[in-house]
Amino acid sequence: MLVKKRKNNEESQPKFERLSVSKAEAAKMLGLSESTVHQLTQAGELKCKRIGRRVIYSVETLRRFLLDKE
């Protein structure tokens, strides 16, 4: 009997690059704590976008932030 392997659900999903991340994800990407990311945002050093109640950070903004700090 021949058994067909089912495709993993992830394999059937289209691959895409994320454009934005949450505060927690931004903190991990930058190697900082969430409170530091919050403080940088409040000080205007790190830009974010608000969509409803959600706060998101552009991946490009995070890259530029790090380049500016060099």
N, C-alpha and C. Protein backbone atom coordinates (compact mmCIF):
# COMPACT_ATOMS: atom_id res chain seq x y z
N MET A 1 0.84 -1.18 0.00
CA MET A 1 0.00 0.00 0.00
C MET A 1 0.89 1.24 0.00
N LEU A 2 0.57 2.18 -0.84
CA LEU A 2 1.33 3.41 -0.98
C LEU A 2 0.71 4.49 -0.11
N VAL A 3 1.52 5.12 0.75
CA VAL A 3 1.02 6.15 1.64
C VAL A 3 1.60 7.49 1.21
N LYS A 4 0.72 8.45 0.96
CA LYS A 4 1.18 9.78 0.59
C LYS A 4 1.49 10.57 1.85
N LYS A 5 2.62 11.25 1.81
CA LYS A 5 2.96 12.10 2.94
C LYS A 5 2.21 13.42 2.80
N ARG A 6 1.62 13.85 3.90
CA ARG A 6 0.95 15.15 3.89
C ARG A 6 1.98 16.25 4.04
N LYS A 7 1.74 17.33 3.34
CA LYS A 7 2.64 18.47 3.47
C LYS A 7 2.43 19.13 4.82
N ASN A 8 3.52 19.53 5.40
CA ASN A 8 3.46 20.29 6.64
C ASN A 8 2.71 21.59 6.36
N ASN A 9 1.91 22.04 7.29
CA ASN A 9 1.13 23.27 7.11
C ASN A 9 2.01 24.46 6.78
N GLU A 10 3.21 24.52 7.38
CA GLU A 10 4.13 25.62 7.11
C GLU A 10 4.61 25.60 5.68
N GLU A 11 4.80 24.42 5.12
CA GLU A 11 5.29 24.31 3.76
C GLU A 11 4.28 24.83 2.76
N SER A 12 3.01 24.72 3.08
CA SER A 12 1.99 25.18 2.15
C SER A 12 1.71 26.68 2.28
N GLN A 13 2.24 27.30 3.34
CA GLN A 13 2.06 28.74 3.54
C GLN A 13 3.08 29.49 2.71
N PRO A 14 2.67 30.62 2.10
CA PRO A 14 3.65 31.41 1.34
C PRO A 14 4.68 32.03 2.27
N LYS A 15 5.91 32.10 1.81
CA LYS A 15 6.99 32.70 2.60
C LYS A 15 7.00 34.20 2.36
N PHE A 16 7.17 34.98 3.41
CA PHE A 16 7.24 36.42 3.28
C PHE A 16 8.10 36.99 4.40
N GLU A 17 8.65 38.16 4.14
CA GLU A 17 9.47 38.84 5.13
C GLU A 17 8.57 39.79 5.91
N ARG A 18 8.66 39.73 7.22
CA ARG A 18 7.85 40.62 8.06
C ARG A 18 8.35 42.04 7.95
N LEU A 19 7.42 42.98 7.90
CA LEU A 19 7.74 44.39 7.79
C LEU A 19 7.79 45.07 9.15
N SER A 20 7.07 44.50 10.12
CA SER A 20 7.02 45.11 11.44
C SER A 20 6.97 44.03 12.51
N VAL A 21 7.32 44.45 13.74
CA VAL A 21 7.34 43.53 14.87
C VAL A 21 6.77 44.22 16.10
N SER A 22 6.42 43.43 17.10
CA SER A 22 5.89 43.97 18.35
C SER A 22 7.03 44.54 19.20
N LYS A 23 6.69 45.19 20.30
CA LYS A 23 7.71 45.74 21.20
C LYS A 23 8.60 44.63 21.75
N ALA A 24 8.01 43.52 22.14
CA ALA A 24 8.79 42.40 22.69
C ALA A 24 9.75 41.85 21.63
N GLU A 25 9.28 41.72 20.40
CA GLU A 25 10.13 41.22 19.33
C GLU A 25 11.23 42.23 18.99
N ALA A 26 10.89 43.52 19.00
CA ALA A 26 11.88 44.57 18.74
C ALA A 26 12.97 44.53 19.80
N ALA A 27 12.58 44.35 21.04
CA ALA A 27 13.55 44.28 22.14
C ALA A 27 14.51 43.10 21.92
N LYS A 28 13.97 41.95 21.55
CA LYS A 28 14.81 40.78 21.31
C LYS A 28 15.75 41.02 20.14
N MET A 29 15.23 41.62 19.07
CA MET A 29 16.05 41.89 17.89
C MET A 29 17.19 42.85 18.19
N LEU A 30 16.94 43.82 19.06
CA LEU A 30 17.95 44.82 19.41
C LEU A 30 18.85 44.37 20.55
N GLY A 31 18.46 43.30 21.25
CA GLY A 31 19.23 42.83 22.39
C GLY A 31 19.04 43.72 23.60
N LEU A 32 17.85 44.31 23.71
CA LEU A 32 17.52 45.22 24.81
C LEU A 32 16.32 44.69 25.57
N SER A 33 16.05 45.27 26.73
CA SER A 33 14.85 44.91 27.47
C SER A 33 13.66 45.67 26.89
N GLU A 34 12.48 45.17 27.16
CA GLU A 34 11.27 45.87 26.69
C GLU A 34 11.16 47.25 27.32
N SER A 35 11.58 47.37 28.58
CA SER A 35 11.48 48.68 29.24
C SER A 35 12.44 49.69 28.59
N THR A 36 13.61 49.24 28.15
CA THR A 36 14.53 50.13 27.45
C THR A 36 13.94 50.56 26.11
N VAL A 37 13.34 49.63 25.40
CA VAL A 37 12.69 49.98 24.12
C VAL A 37 11.57 50.98 24.38
N HIS A 38 10.82 50.77 25.45
CA HIS A 38 9.75 51.70 25.81
C HIS A 38 10.32 53.10 26.10
N GLN A 39 11.40 53.16 26.87
CA GLN A 39 12.03 54.44 27.21
C GLN A 39 12.56 55.14 25.96
N LEU A 40 13.19 54.40 25.06
CA LEU A 40 13.70 54.98 23.82
C LEU A 40 12.56 55.51 22.96
N THR A 41 11.44 54.81 22.96
CA THR A 41 10.27 55.24 22.21
C THR A 41 9.70 56.52 22.81
N GLN A 42 9.57 56.56 24.13
CA GLN A 42 9.03 57.75 24.81
C GLN A 42 9.93 58.96 24.60
N ALA A 43 11.24 58.74 24.52
CA ALA A 43 12.20 59.83 24.33
C ALA A 43 12.26 60.28 22.86
N GLY A 44 11.60 59.55 21.97
CA GLY A 44 11.59 59.91 20.55
C GLY A 44 12.81 59.40 19.80
N GLU A 45 13.63 58.58 20.43
CA GLU A 45 14.82 58.05 19.77
C GLU A 45 14.51 56.85 18.88
N LEU A 46 13.44 56.15 19.20
CA LEU A 46 13.03 54.97 18.44
C LEU A 46 11.58 55.17 18.02
N LYS A 47 11.35 55.24 16.73
CA LYS A 47 10.00 55.51 16.21
C LYS A 47 9.16 54.23 16.16
N CYS A 48 7.89 54.39 16.43
CA CYS A 48 6.95 53.28 16.34
C CYS A 48 5.70 53.75 15.62
N LYS A 49 4.83 52.81 15.31
CA LYS A 49 3.53 53.10 14.71
C LYS A 49 2.47 52.52 15.62
N ARG A 50 1.38 53.21 15.73
CA ARG A 50 0.24 52.70 16.50
C ARG A 50 -0.89 52.39 15.53
N ILE A 51 -1.38 51.18 15.64
CA ILE A 51 -2.55 50.77 14.85
C ILE A 51 -3.55 50.27 15.87
N GLY A 52 -4.54 51.10 16.12
CA GLY A 52 -5.47 50.81 17.20
C GLY A 52 -4.72 50.87 18.51
N ARG A 53 -4.79 49.81 19.29
CA ARG A 53 -4.08 49.74 20.56
C ARG A 53 -2.71 49.09 20.42
N ARG A 54 -2.44 48.58 19.25
CA ARG A 54 -1.18 47.85 19.03
C ARG A 54 -0.05 48.80 18.65
N VAL A 55 1.11 48.57 19.24
CA VAL A 55 2.32 49.34 18.93
C VAL A 55 3.25 48.42 18.15
N ILE A 56 3.69 48.87 16.97
CA ILE A 56 4.58 48.06 16.16
C ILE A 56 5.80 48.89 15.75
N TYR A 57 6.87 48.18 15.47
CA TYR A 57 8.13 48.79 15.07
C TYR A 57 8.51 48.25 13.70
N SER A 58 8.82 49.13 12.78
CA SER A 58 9.27 48.74 11.46
C SER A 58 10.64 48.09 11.57
N VAL A 59 10.84 46.99 10.87
CA VAL A 59 12.14 46.32 10.88
C VAL A 59 13.19 47.27 10.30
N GLU A 60 12.83 48.03 9.30
CA GLU A 60 13.75 49.00 8.71
C GLU A 60 14.13 50.09 9.71
N THR A 61 13.18 50.53 10.52
CA THR A 61 13.45 51.52 11.57
C THR A 61 14.44 50.96 12.58
N LEU A 62 14.30 49.70 12.95
CA LEU A 62 15.23 49.07 13.89
C LEU A 62 16.64 49.01 13.31
N ARG A 63 16.73 48.68 12.02
CA ARG A 63 18.04 48.64 11.37
C ARG A 63 18.69 50.01 11.35
N ARG A 64 17.91 51.04 10.99
CA ARG A 64 18.44 52.40 10.95
C ARG A 64 18.87 52.87 12.34
N PHE A 65 18.09 52.51 13.36
CA PHE A 65 18.41 52.88 14.73
C PHE A 65 19.79 52.35 15.11
N LEU A 66 20.04 51.09 14.81
CA LEU A 66 21.34 50.50 15.14
C LEU A 66 22.47 51.13 14.35
N LEU A 67 22.24 51.41 13.08
CA LEU A 67 23.28 52.04 12.26
C LEU A 67 23.62 53.43 12.77
N ASP A 68 22.60 54.18 13.22
CA ASP A 68 22.82 55.53 13.74
C ASP A 68 23.59 55.50 15.06
N LYS A 69 23.52 54.40 15.81
CA LYS A 69 24.18 54.30 17.11
C LYS A 69 25.64 53.88 17.00
N GLU A 70 26.09 53.53 15.79
CA GLU A 70 27.49 53.10 15.62
C GLU A 70 28.43 54.26 15.72
